[in-house]
Amino acid sequence: MGLALTMDWHLLLLSFALIFPVELPDKTFVAALVLSTRYRPLAVWVGVGLAFAVQCLLAVTAGHAVSFLPEWVVQLVSVVLFLAGAALLFRAAPHADEEEKEQEDHFAAKATRDQKGWHAVATSFVVLFAAEWGDLSQVLTLNLVARYGSPVAVFFGAWAALLAVSGLAVLGGRVLLRYLRLSVVHYVAGSVCLLLATVGLYQLATL
């Protein structure tokens, strides 16, 4: 029991450590930043947090279903997803800083200035839910559950990472972008995915 609990905590931390850098340069960070300039930051954070919770739940459920496949299939799918994630991040890295402005304009067009209270929460939920659908962080959450199990640990680790990123965006996203190059974050996140894919290939070869 104690060992299982320790492994779960390790997986929770791994989920957080993987999802956080992947989500930081993502369009959902920009969306939360823009929404917080239109509505009260707390309302935005609650709305996007609820959207993230639903998305994480869907990803964890799908990952749990995949985990019932033969082990070699799960390992192969895991490697492919990590490689795809690395490729997407490396490909987007050179243009990440320029595209950030375009994303701001895109999300600004979806937000109005007259929303308050639960209306602002609902608008933030809808905008972020649509932006996050099929997102890399959702795919990686699915992958972590399929490969390592412990859906509860992965859920809370991934959700905590998403809440932390959206919290940074809401509270100080504009200041953060002054000192943080999104292209560099893309390269770091891509390297993490590539490392996990390499580990997965080794494990697949030793099955």
Protein backbone atom coordinates (compact mmCIF):
# COMPACT_ATOMS: atom_id res chain seq x y z
CA MET A 1 0.00 0.00 0.00
CA GLY A 2 2.77 2.44 0.94
CA LEU A 3 4.75 1.63 -2.21
CA ALA A 4 1.70 2.13 -4.41
CA LEU A 5 1.00 5.48 -2.77
CA THR A 6 4.62 6.55 -3.33
CA MET A 7 4.47 5.53 -6.97
CA ASP A 8 1.24 7.46 -7.38
CA TRP A 9 2.84 10.59 -5.94
CA HIS A 10 5.78 10.14 -8.29
CA LEU A 11 3.39 9.87 -11.22
CA LEU A 12 1.47 12.94 -10.06
CA LEU A 13 4.71 14.92 -10.01
CA LEU A 14 5.76 13.48 -13.39
CA SER A 15 2.41 14.50 -14.88
CA PHE A 16 2.80 18.03 -13.53
CA ALA A 17 6.41 18.27 -14.72
CA LEU A 18 5.50 17.15 -18.23
CA ILE A 19 2.27 19.08 -18.76
CA PHE A 20 3.47 22.40 -17.28
CA PRO A 21 6.20 23.18 -19.85
CA VAL A 22 4.06 21.85 -22.70
CA GLU A 23 1.12 24.07 -21.76
CA LEU A 24 3.10 27.22 -20.93
CA PRO A 25 3.72 28.22 -24.56
CA ASP A 26 0.32 26.95 -25.65
CA LYS A 27 -2.60 28.93 -27.05
CA THR A 28 -4.60 28.26 -23.88
CA PHE A 29 -2.08 30.36 -21.92
CA VAL A 30 -2.70 33.22 -24.34
CA ALA A 31 -6.46 32.70 -24.15
CA ALA A 32 -6.46 32.94 -20.34
CA LEU A 33 -4.27 36.06 -20.54
CA VAL A 34 -6.62 37.79 -22.98
CA LEU A 35 -9.76 36.81 -21.07
CA SER A 36 -8.29 38.22 -17.85
CA THR A 37 -8.00 41.63 -19.53
CA ARG A 38 -11.73 41.52 -20.35
CA TYR A 39 -13.23 39.98 -17.21
CA ARG A 40 -12.37 39.67 -13.53
CA PRO A 41 -9.28 37.45 -13.20
CA LEU A 42 -10.87 35.19 -10.56
CA ALA A 43 -13.90 34.54 -12.79
CA VAL A 44 -11.58 33.69 -15.68
CA TRP A 45 -9.49 31.33 -13.55
CA VAL A 46 -12.58 29.52 -12.27
CA GLY A 47 -13.97 29.17 -15.79
CA VAL A 48 -10.78 27.89 -17.35
CA GLY A 49 -10.14 25.64 -14.35
CA LEU A 50 -13.51 23.95 -14.84
CA ALA A 51 -12.80 23.55 -18.56
CA PHE A 52 -9.43 21.99 -17.78
CA ALA A 53 -11.04 19.61 -15.27
CA VAL A 54 -13.48 18.31 -17.88
CA GLN A 55 -10.74 17.97 -20.50
CA CYS A 56 -8.47 16.11 -18.07
CA LEU A 57 -11.31 13.79 -17.10
CA LEU A 58 -11.97 12.95 -20.76
CA ALA A 59 -8.27 12.36 -21.44
CA VAL A 60 -7.83 10.18 -18.34
CA THR A 61 -10.89 8.12 -19.23
CA ALA A 62 -9.63 7.54 -22.76
CA GLY A 63 -6.16 6.68 -21.47
CA HIS A 64 -7.60 4.15 -19.01
CA ALA A 65 -9.47 2.46 -21.88
CA VAL A 66 -6.27 2.30 -23.97
CA SER A 67 -4.39 0.70 -21.04
CA PHE A 68 -6.37 -2.53 -21.54
CA LEU A 69 -4.63 -3.12 -24.89
CA PRO A 70 -1.59 -5.46 -25.05
CA GLU A 71 1.46 -3.96 -23.35
CA TRP A 72 3.52 -3.71 -26.54
CA VAL A 73 0.69 -1.83 -28.27
CA VAL A 74 0.43 0.63 -25.37
CA GLN A 75 4.19 1.17 -25.41
CA LEU A 76 4.21 1.70 -29.17
CA VAL A 77 1.32 4.17 -29.05
CA SER A 78 3.06 5.98 -26.19
CA VAL A 79 6.29 6.35 -28.16
CA VAL A 80 4.44 7.57 -31.25
CA LEU A 81 2.51 10.18 -29.24
CA PHE A 82 5.65 11.48 -27.52
CA LEU A 83 7.47 11.68 -30.87
CA ALA A 84 4.52 13.48 -32.42
CA GLY A 85 4.44 15.92 -29.51
CA ALA A 86 8.17 16.60 -29.86
CA ALA A 87 7.82 17.14 -33.60
CA LEU A 88 4.91 19.57 -33.17
CA LEU A 89 6.73 21.57 -30.52
CA PHE A 90 10.01 21.77 -32.45
CA ARG A 91 8.15 22.73 -35.62
CA ALA A 92 6.22 25.52 -33.90
CA ALA A 93 9.19 26.86 -31.91
CA PRO A 94 10.78 29.21 -34.50
CA HIS A 95 7.50 31.09 -35.03
CA ALA A 96 6.05 30.85 -31.50
CA ASP A 97 6.76 34.45 -30.51
CA GLU A 98 5.24 35.91 -33.69
CA GLU A 99 2.15 33.69 -33.50
CA GLU A 100 1.47 34.74 -29.91
CA LYS A 101 0.23 38.15 -31.12
CA GLU A 102 -2.05 36.52 -33.69
CA GLN A 103 -3.49 34.26 -31.01
CA GLU A 104 -4.17 37.26 -28.78
CA ASP A 105 -6.17 38.93 -31.55
CA HIS A 106 -8.07 35.70 -32.18
CA PHE A 107 -9.17 35.26 -28.58
CA ALA A 108 -9.85 38.96 -28.09
CA ALA A 109 -12.46 38.70 -30.83
CA LYS A 110 -14.24 35.99 -28.83
CA ALA A 111 -14.49 38.01 -25.62
CA THR A 112 -16.74 40.97 -24.88
CA ARG A 113 -16.33 43.52 -22.10
CA ASP A 114 -19.80 43.36 -20.57
CA GLN A 115 -19.68 39.91 -18.97
CA LYS A 116 -19.70 39.69 -15.17
CA GLY A 117 -19.96 37.01 -12.50
CA TRP A 118 -21.04 33.60 -13.71
CA HIS A 119 -21.46 34.91 -17.25
CA ALA A 120 -17.72 35.61 -17.34
CA VAL A 121 -17.05 32.17 -15.85
CA ALA A 122 -19.23 30.52 -18.52
CA THR A 123 -17.61 32.46 -21.36
CA SER A 124 -14.13 31.57 -20.11
CA PHE A 125 -15.18 27.91 -19.84
CA VAL A 126 -16.48 27.80 -23.41
CA VAL A 127 -13.48 29.60 -24.92
CA LEU A 128 -10.91 27.44 -23.12
CA PHE A 129 -12.80 24.19 -23.65
CA ALA A 130 -12.81 24.79 -27.41
CA ALA A 131 -9.16 25.88 -27.44
CA GLU A 132 -8.00 22.88 -25.39
CA TRP A 133 -9.89 20.23 -27.36
CA GLY A 134 -7.38 17.86 -28.95
CA ASP A 135 -4.54 19.87 -27.46
CA LEU A 136 -1.09 18.35 -26.92
CA SER A 137 -1.47 18.43 -23.14
CA GLN A 138 -4.68 16.41 -23.44
CA VAL A 139 -2.96 13.85 -25.67
CA LEU A 140 -0.04 13.55 -23.26
CA THR A 141 -2.41 13.11 -20.30
CA LEU A 142 -4.07 10.24 -22.17
CA ASN A 143 -0.64 8.82 -22.90
CA LEU A 144 0.51 8.95 -19.28
CA VAL A 145 -2.54 7.02 -18.06
CA ALA A 146 -2.27 4.44 -20.83
CA ARG A 147 1.41 3.86 -20.13
CA TYR A 148 1.71 4.16 -16.35
CA GLY A 149 -1.83 3.68 -15.03
CA SER A 150 -2.97 5.53 -11.86
CA PRO A 151 -5.60 7.73 -13.55
CA VAL A 152 -6.32 9.63 -10.33
CA ALA A 153 -2.67 10.66 -9.89
CA VAL A 154 -2.34 11.66 -13.54
CA PHE A 155 -5.60 13.61 -13.41
CA PHE A 156 -4.56 15.70 -10.43
CA GLY A 157 -1.01 16.16 -11.71
CA ALA A 158 -2.16 17.33 -15.13
CA TRP A 159 -4.98 19.48 -13.73
CA ALA A 160 -2.62 21.11 -11.23
CA ALA A 161 -0.21 21.95 -14.05
CA LEU A 162 -2.99 23.47 -16.13
CA LEU A 163 -4.28 25.47 -13.16
CA ALA A 164 -0.76 26.73 -12.44
CA VAL A 165 -0.22 27.83 -16.04
CA SER A 166 -3.60 29.55 -16.26
CA GLY A 167 -2.96 31.19 -12.89
CA LEU A 168 0.30 32.62 -14.19
CA ALA A 169 -1.49 33.85 -17.31
CA VAL A 170 -4.29 35.51 -15.33
CA LEU A 171 -2.09 37.12 -12.67
CA GLY A 172 0.96 38.16 -14.64
CA GLY A 173 0.90 36.77 -18.14
CA ARG A 174 1.80 40.05 -19.78
CA VAL A 175 4.80 40.59 -17.51
CA LEU A 176 5.90 36.97 -17.96
CA LEU A 177 5.88 37.28 -21.75
CA ARG A 178 8.26 40.24 -21.51
CA TYR A 179 10.98 38.01 -20.07
CA LEU A 180 10.04 34.60 -21.46
CA ARG A 181 10.62 33.59 -25.05
CA LEU A 182 7.93 31.13 -26.04
CA SER A 183 10.23 29.65 -28.66
CA VAL A 184 12.67 28.58 -25.93
CA VAL A 185 9.86 26.99 -23.93
CA HIS A 186 8.78 25.08 -27.03
CA TYR A 187 12.29 23.68 -27.44
CA VAL A 188 12.46 22.66 -23.77
CA ALA A 189 9.05 20.96 -23.87
CA GLY A 190 9.92 19.24 -27.14
CA SER A 191 13.13 17.93 -25.62
CA VAL A 192 11.19 16.48 -22.67
CA CYS A 193 8.85 14.66 -25.06
CA LEU A 194 11.81 13.39 -27.07
CA LEU A 195 13.48 12.08 -23.92
CA LEU A 196 10.34 10.21 -22.88
CA ALA A 197 10.02 8.77 -26.38
CA THR A 198 13.60 7.52 -26.18
CA VAL A 199 12.93 5.86 -22.82
CA GLY A 200 9.79 4.31 -24.31
CA LEU A 201 11.74 2.91 -27.29
CA TYR A 202 14.23 1.30 -24.91
CA GLN A 203 11.45 -0.25 -22.86
CA LEU A 204 9.71 -1.47 -26.03
CA ALA A 205 12.91 -3.11 -27.23
CA THR A 206 13.36 -4.94 -23.92
CA LEU A 207 9.82 -6.37 -23.68
